[in-house]
Amino acid sequence: MKNQLNQVKLILSFVFCLTLVFVNAQIDGIPFGDLPPTSEYGKCYAKCKIPDVYETVSVQKLKKEASTKLIKVPAVYETVTETMLAKEASTKYRTVPATFKTVSEQVMVEPEKRTLKTIPAKYRTDSKQVLVSPARGQWIRKKKSPNCFSSNPDDCYVACYEEIPAVYRTETFQVLVSPASTTEDVRPAKFKTVTRQVVDQPARVEEIPIEAEYKTVSKKVLVSPESTREEVIPAEYASINEKRLVSQGGFTVWTEILCAERTTSTKVANVQRALNAAGYNAGSADGVMGIKTQNALQQYQTDKGLPVGNLNLETLKMLGVSQN
């Protein structure tokens, strides 16, 4: 009963181990001619079966052998062209008529005319005061005076000596402003525009050269005569996939592994963390040796050249996980 329990615990600690793990070296039940290297208490060893490794390769199989056949090569012609004179060069003459242009010119219709014109003198009217009688003194009677008590103005005679101002009269006279003069009135000449046709370029004779005419004639010329050639028909091959043995499987040598009672979930979680840190995706560190953890562990052992197929001590050492 004790051996059966140990076997169950060891199966849980294997990764890809396909063989039995022996806690104690027993001769019965071991299908090998050799035993683990040591018989110490507390040590466990395992042999794991590694399957044969095959690869599929593509090989070429002859389907049809090479052969030859005669091929008729037809004659080759090429078309060549050559230029021939169709009409010789010549000359023709053409009369170019004279050309005219319209010119305009000014023609005098009426010549310039000059006449003398008299400008009369100009005067202005001025005036002046002429003395008629000089100023003088004179007694002047007043009709009423405040010194007279009577209401009758004739009852009191009042005379006052007053100045009689000088008397003037206004006389007008003409003053010469500008004397008479003469001016010359000029009436300009009159012109009109007259248009007429004049020769721009006289008539002439042009000589026109006529170039020679050529024509292109095409004809076929033999380049290579008819012949035969031998053509090689290559062999035909078919691609066939074959399965080839790369490495033969079998059981590994005895490898010391971690015993079942020491393969705890904590230990497995430490292995998962170490694999993840090394770049091998072992999944979450849940302490369960699942398929993802097994695949990561196998790839790590293969890459590092470690024993493959179980949680052996060499792998733990390389991962930096304690054996205890």
Protein backbone atom coordinates (compact mmCIF):
# COMPACT_ATOMS: atom_id res chain seq x y z
CA MET A 1 0.00 0.00 0.00
CA LYS A 2 2.86 2.32 0.82
CA ASN A 3 4.46 1.69 -2.61
CA GLN A 4 1.19 2.48 -4.42
CA LEU A 5 0.82 5.82 -2.61
CA ASN A 6 4.41 6.72 -3.48
CA GLN A 7 3.78 5.90 -7.13
CA VAL A 8 0.71 8.18 -7.23
CA LYS A 9 2.72 11.08 -5.75
CA LEU A 10 5.56 10.58 -8.21
CA ILE A 11 3.23 10.58 -11.23
CA LEU A 12 1.98 14.04 -10.15
CA SER A 13 5.56 15.39 -10.11
CA PHE A 14 6.51 14.26 -13.59
CA VAL A 15 6.28 16.62 -16.57
CA PHE A 16 6.53 14.34 -19.54
CA CYS A 17 7.76 11.23 -17.83
CA LEU A 18 6.35 8.15 -19.55
CA THR A 19 8.05 5.65 -17.30
CA LEU A 20 7.68 4.53 -13.70
CA VAL A 21 9.59 6.35 -10.98
CA PHE A 22 11.12 4.28 -8.28
CA VAL A 23 11.48 5.61 -4.77
CA ASN A 24 13.35 2.53 -3.57
CA ALA A 25 15.50 0.39 -5.89
CA GLN A 26 13.58 -2.79 -6.47
CA ILE A 27 14.54 -5.49 -8.90
CA ASP A 28 10.97 -6.65 -9.50
CA GLY A 29 9.01 -4.52 -12.01
CA ILE A 30 12.04 -2.68 -13.55
CA PRO A 31 12.32 -3.58 -17.27
CA PHE A 32 15.95 -2.43 -17.50
CA GLY A 33 19.21 -4.20 -17.02
CA ASP A 34 20.64 -1.33 -14.93
CA LEU A 35 19.56 0.24 -11.66
CA PRO A 36 19.79 3.86 -10.42
CA PRO A 37 23.40 4.82 -9.60
CA THR A 38 22.85 5.13 -5.83
CA SER A 39 20.67 3.39 -3.30
CA GLU A 40 20.30 6.20 -0.77
CA TYR A 41 17.21 6.94 1.24
CA GLY A 42 15.37 10.11 0.19
CA LYS A 43 16.68 10.13 -3.42
CA CYS A 44 14.47 9.50 -6.47
CA TYR A 45 15.52 8.69 -10.02
CA ALA A 46 13.60 8.34 -13.28
CA LYS A 47 13.98 7.08 -16.82
CA CYS A 48 11.68 8.73 -19.37
CA LYS A 49 10.81 7.35 -22.74
CA ILE A 50 11.59 9.70 -25.62
CA PRO A 51 9.58 8.97 -28.80
CA ASP A 52 11.19 8.62 -32.22
CA VAL A 53 11.54 11.95 -34.02
CA TYR A 54 10.61 12.05 -37.70
CA GLU A 55 10.63 14.75 -40.33
CA THR A 56 8.79 15.01 -43.60
CA VAL A 57 11.06 15.74 -46.57
CA SER A 58 10.18 16.35 -50.18
CA VAL A 59 12.11 14.23 -52.71
CA GLN A 60 12.09 14.34 -56.48
CA LYS A 61 11.02 11.10 -58.24
CA LEU A 62 11.61 10.61 -61.95
CA LYS A 63 8.28 10.66 -63.73
CA LYS A 64 9.43 10.75 -67.35
CA GLU A 65 12.96 10.38 -68.76
CA ALA A 66 14.58 13.07 -70.86
CA SER A 67 14.24 12.82 -74.65
CA THR A 68 14.97 14.73 -77.86
CA LYS A 69 12.93 15.77 -80.84
CA LEU A 70 13.68 17.37 -84.23
CA ILE A 71 12.11 20.74 -84.84
CA LYS A 72 11.83 22.26 -88.29
CA VAL A 73 13.10 25.81 -88.34
CA PRO A 74 11.49 27.77 -91.21
CA ALA A 75 13.47 30.11 -93.39
CA VAL A 76 13.76 33.64 -92.08
CA TYR A 77 13.16 36.61 -94.30
CA GLU A 78 13.39 40.26 -93.61
CA THR A 79 11.82 43.16 -95.38
CA VAL A 80 14.27 45.76 -96.60
CA THR A 81 13.37 49.12 -98.06
CA GLU A 82 15.26 51.26 -100.50
CA THR A 83 14.60 54.74 -101.81
CA MET A 84 14.29 55.38 -105.55
CA LEU A 85 14.03 58.66 -107.50
CA ALA A 86 10.46 59.17 -108.72
CA LYS A 87 10.73 62.70 -110.12
CA GLU A 88 13.76 64.92 -110.67
CA ALA A 89 14.09 68.33 -109.11
CA SER A 90 12.90 71.32 -111.16
CA THR A 91 12.17 75.05 -110.96
CA LYS A 92 8.99 77.04 -111.53
CA TYR A 93 8.41 80.77 -111.72
CA ARG A 94 5.66 82.84 -110.21
CA THR A 95 4.79 86.48 -110.80
CA VAL A 96 4.17 88.37 -107.62
CA PRO A 97 1.99 91.42 -108.36
CA ALA A 98 2.84 94.85 -107.02
CA THR A 99 1.38 95.81 -103.69
CA PHE A 100 0.02 99.22 -102.84
CA LYS A 101 -0.50 101.15 -99.69
CA THR A 102 -2.70 104.07 -98.79
CA VAL A 103 -0.92 107.22 -97.67
CA SER A 104 -2.47 110.38 -96.29
CA GLU A 105 -1.15 113.94 -96.65
CA GLN A 106 -2.29 117.44 -95.72
CA VAL A 107 -3.18 119.79 -98.61
CA MET A 108 -3.64 123.59 -98.04
CA VAL A 109 -7.08 124.75 -99.08
CA GLU A 110 -6.85 128.38 -97.94
CA PRO A 111 -3.63 130.27 -97.12
CA GLU A 112 -3.03 132.23 -93.95
CA LYS A 113 -4.67 135.72 -93.90
CA ARG A 114 -3.51 138.72 -91.87
CA THR A 115 -5.60 141.94 -91.35
CA LEU A 116 -4.94 145.15 -89.34
CA LYS A 117 -7.53 146.14 -86.80
CA THR A 118 -7.76 149.62 -85.13
CA ILE A 119 -8.45 149.64 -81.44
CA PRO A 120 -9.95 153.02 -80.37
CA ALA A 121 -8.65 154.98 -77.40
CA LYS A 122 -10.28 154.33 -74.06
CA TYR A 123 -11.44 157.10 -71.68
CA ARG A 124 -12.87 157.31 -68.23
CA THR A 125 -15.11 160.01 -66.80
CA ASP A 126 -13.75 161.87 -63.77
CA SER A 127 -15.35 164.72 -61.81
CA LYS A 128 -14.10 167.67 -59.76
CA GLN A 129 -15.60 170.37 -57.46
CA VAL A 130 -15.46 173.96 -58.71
CA LEU A 131 -15.91 176.86 -56.13
CA VAL A 132 -18.95 178.98 -56.90
CA SER A 133 -18.92 181.18 -53.83
CA PRO A 134 -16.50 181.09 -50.94
CA ALA A 135 -17.56 180.63 -47.35
CA ARG A 136 -18.68 183.79 -45.50
CA GLY A 137 -20.36 185.11 -42.32
CA GLN A 138 -24.00 186.23 -42.39
CA TRP A 139 -26.68 187.34 -39.91
CA ILE A 140 -29.51 185.00 -39.85
CA ARG A 141 -32.84 185.88 -38.23
CA LYS A 142 -34.44 183.35 -36.05
CA LYS A 143 -38.18 183.20 -35.78
CA LYS A 144 -38.33 182.31 -32.07
CA SER A 145 -35.97 182.58 -29.25
CA PRO A 146 -36.31 181.54 -25.64
CA ASN A 147 -35.42 185.13 -24.63
CA CYS A 148 -38.65 186.37 -26.04
CA PHE A 149 -41.62 186.15 -23.65
CA SER A 150 -44.21 186.89 -26.30
CA SER A 151 -45.75 184.01 -28.14
CA ASN A 152 -45.81 185.99 -31.28
CA PRO A 153 -42.57 185.38 -33.07
CA ASP A 154 -42.75 188.74 -34.69
CA ASP A 155 -42.72 190.50 -31.32
CA CYS A 156 -39.08 189.76 -30.86
CA TYR A 157 -36.45 190.03 -33.50
CA VAL A 158 -33.54 187.66 -33.08
CA ALA A 159 -30.54 187.59 -35.44
CA CYS A 160 -27.56 185.29 -35.27
CA TYR A 161 -24.35 185.60 -37.18
CA GLU A 162 -23.67 182.25 -38.79
CA GLU A 163 -21.15 180.91 -41.30
CA ILE A 164 -22.47 180.42 -44.76
CA PRO A 165 -20.45 177.52 -46.25
CA ALA A 166 -18.75 177.77 -49.59
CA VAL A 167 -20.78 176.66 -52.56
CA TYR A 168 -19.30 174.24 -55.12
CA ARG A 169 -20.51 172.73 -58.37
CA THR A 170 -19.48 169.39 -59.83
CA GLU A 171 -17.92 169.37 -63.25
CA THR A 172 -17.18 166.15 -65.18
CA PHE A 173 -14.39 165.60 -67.72
CA GLN A 174 -12.86 162.71 -69.81
CA VAL A 175 -9.48 161.25 -68.91
CA LEU A 176 -7.51 159.16 -71.47
CA VAL A 177 -6.97 155.63 -70.17
CA SER A 178 -5.31 154.06 -73.21
CA PRO A 179 -4.54 155.62 -76.51
CA ALA A 180 -5.81 154.25 -79.80
CA SER A 181 -3.79 151.35 -81.30
CA THR A 182 -3.77 148.77 -84.08
CA THR A 183 -3.57 144.94 -83.90
CA GLU A 184 -2.89 142.31 -86.55
CA ASP A 185 -5.61 139.68 -86.88
CA VAL A 186 -4.18 136.36 -88.16
CA ARG A 187 -6.52 133.79 -89.67
CA PRO A 188 -4.63 130.48 -90.00
CA ALA A 189 -4.38 128.56 -93.22
CA LYS A 190 -6.92 125.78 -93.83
CA PHE A 191 -5.86 122.25 -94.76
CA LYS A 192 -7.62 119.05 -95.69
CA THR A 193 -6.45 115.43 -95.56
CA VAL A 194 -6.09 113.74 -98.93
CA THR A 195 -5.50 109.94 -99.24
CA ARG A 196 -4.04 108.19 -102.25
CA GLN A 197 -2.65 104.81 -103.30
CA VAL A 198 1.10 104.49 -103.79
CA VAL A 199 3.25 101.49 -104.72
CA ASP A 200 4.49 99.64 -101.66
CA GLN A 201 6.40 96.84 -103.42
CA PRO A 202 6.76 96.66 -107.17
CA ALA A 203 5.77 93.57 -109.12
CA ARG A 204 8.44 90.85 -109.27
CA VAL A 205 9.09 87.33 -110.46
CA GLU A 206 9.89 84.60 -107.92
CA GLU A 207 11.86 81.46 -108.66
CA ILE A 208 10.44 78.47 -106.75
CA PRO A 209 12.59 75.32 -106.61
CA ILE A 210 10.69 72.01 -106.74
CA GLU A 211 12.45 69.26 -104.83
CA ALA A 212 13.00 65.85 -106.31
CA GLU A 213 10.46 63.19 -105.36
CA TYR A 214 11.44 59.77 -104.07
CA LYS A 215 9.51 56.63 -103.37
CA THR A 216 10.25 53.79 -100.97
CA VAL A 217 10.25 50.25 -102.37
CA SER A 218 10.05 47.25 -100.01
CA LYS A 219 11.19 43.70 -100.81
CA LYS A 220 11.86 40.48 -98.91
CA VAL A 221 15.42 39.23 -98.50
CA LEU A 222 16.38 35.76 -97.24
CA VAL A 223 18.23 35.98 -93.94
CA SER A 224 18.61 32.28 -93.09
CA PRO A 225 17.44 29.23 -95.07
CA GLU A 226 15.14 26.57 -93.72
CA SER A 227 16.80 24.15 -91.27
CA THR A 228 16.17 21.65 -88.48
CA ARG A 229 17.31 21.64 -84.88
CA GLU A 230 17.31 19.09 -82.12
CA GLU A 231 15.43 20.07 -79.00
CA VAL A 232 16.06 18.35 -75.69
CA ILE A 233 12.95 17.59 -73.70
CA PRO A 234 14.01 17.53 -70.06
CA ALA A 235 13.04 14.76 -67.75
CA GLU A 236 9.94 15.21 -65.66
CA TYR A 237 10.02 14.80 -61.91
CA ALA A 238 7.33 14.71 -59.29
CA SER A 239 7.70 15.89 -55.70
CA ILE A 240 6.88 13.17 -53.16
CA ASN A 241 6.82 13.66 -49.40
CA GLU A 242 8.68 11.02 -47.42
CA LYS A 243 8.88 10.50 -43.68
CA ARG A 244 12.44 10.13 -42.41
CA LEU A 245 13.72 9.23 -38.95
CA VAL A 246 15.69 12.12 -37.44
CA SER A 247 16.47 10.59 -34.07
CA GLN A 248 15.53 7.29 -32.57
CA GLY A 249 13.64 7.38 -29.30
CA GLY A 250 14.11 5.23 -26.25
CA PHE A 251 14.58 5.55 -22.52
CA THR A 252 16.86 8.13 -21.04
CA VAL A 253 19.51 7.34 -18.45
CA TRP A 254 18.62 7.42 -14.78
CA THR A 255 18.11 11.05 -13.76
CA GLU A 256 17.74 12.23 -10.20
CA ILE A 257 14.39 13.96 -9.77
CA LEU A 258 12.50 15.73 -7.00
CA CYS A 259 10.62 13.14 -4.95
CA ALA A 260 6.82 13.31 -4.80
CA GLU A 261 6.59 14.43 -1.17
CA ARG A 262 8.85 17.40 -2.02
CA THR A 263 6.97 18.30 -5.22
CA THR A 264 4.60 20.66 -3.46
CA SER A 265 2.38 23.31 -5.02
CA THR A 266 4.75 25.95 -3.61
CA LYS A 267 7.69 24.29 -5.38
CA VAL A 268 5.75 24.12 -8.65
CA ALA A 269 4.78 27.80 -8.30
CA ASN A 270 8.47 28.72 -7.80
CA VAL A 271 9.32 26.75 -10.98
CA GLN A 272 6.56 28.60 -12.88
CA ARG A 273 7.87 31.98 -11.70
CA ALA A 274 11.46 31.06 -12.69
CA LEU A 275 10.31 29.90 -16.15
CA ASN A 276 8.32 33.10 -16.73
CA ALA A 277 11.31 35.20 -15.63
CA ALA A 278 13.52 33.29 -18.09
CA GLY A 279 11.12 34.10 -20.94
CA TYR A 280 9.25 30.81 -21.07
CA ASN A 281 5.50 31.28 -20.65
CA ALA A 282 4.43 28.83 -17.94
CA GLY A 283 1.19 30.66 -17.19
CA SER A 284 0.18 31.99 -13.81
CA ALA A 285 2.10 30.73 -10.75
CA ASP A 286 -0.84 28.65 -9.48
CA GLY A 287 1.27 25.66 -8.31
CA VAL A 288 -0.40 23.27 -10.77
CA MET A 289 1.77 21.34 -13.22
CA GLY A 290 -0.53 21.82 -16.19
CA ILE A 291 0.06 21.41 -19.93
CA LYS A 292 1.25 25.02 -20.34
CA THR A 293 3.80 24.61 -17.55
CA GLN A 294 4.92 21.23 -18.90
CA ASN A 295 5.45 22.64 -22.41
CA ALA A 296 7.44 25.58 -21.06
CA LEU A 297 9.57 23.28 -18.90
CA GLN A 298 10.30 20.90 -21.78
CA GLN A 299 11.30 23.79 -24.07
CA TYR A 300 13.59 25.21 -21.37
CA GLN A 301 15.28 21.79 -20.86
CA THR A 302 15.74 21.34 -24.61
CA ASP A 303 17.23 24.86 -25.07
CA LYS A 304 19.61 24.45 -22.09
CA GLY A 305 20.70 20.86 -22.90
CA LEU A 306 19.19 19.48 -19.70
CA PRO A 307 17.57 16.05 -19.17
CA VAL A 308 14.09 16.23 -20.68
CA GLY A 309 10.86 14.73 -19.40
CA ASN A 310 10.79 15.27 -15.64
CA LEU A 311 11.33 17.82 -12.90
CA ASN A 312 14.95 16.80 -12.30
CA LEU A 313 17.46 18.37 -9.95
CA GLU A 314 19.66 19.71 -12.75
CA THR A 315 16.70 21.72 -14.06
CA LEU A 316 15.90 23.08 -10.62
CA LYS A 317 19.53 24.12 -10.16
CA MET A 318 19.61 25.87 -13.55
CA LEU A 319 16.33 27.67 -12.74
CA GLY A 320 17.66 28.71 -9.33
CA VAL A 321 14.89 26.92 -7.44
CA SER A 322 15.80 25.31 -4.13
CA GLN A 323 15.60 21.47 -3.95
CA ASN A 324 14.46 21.55 -0.32
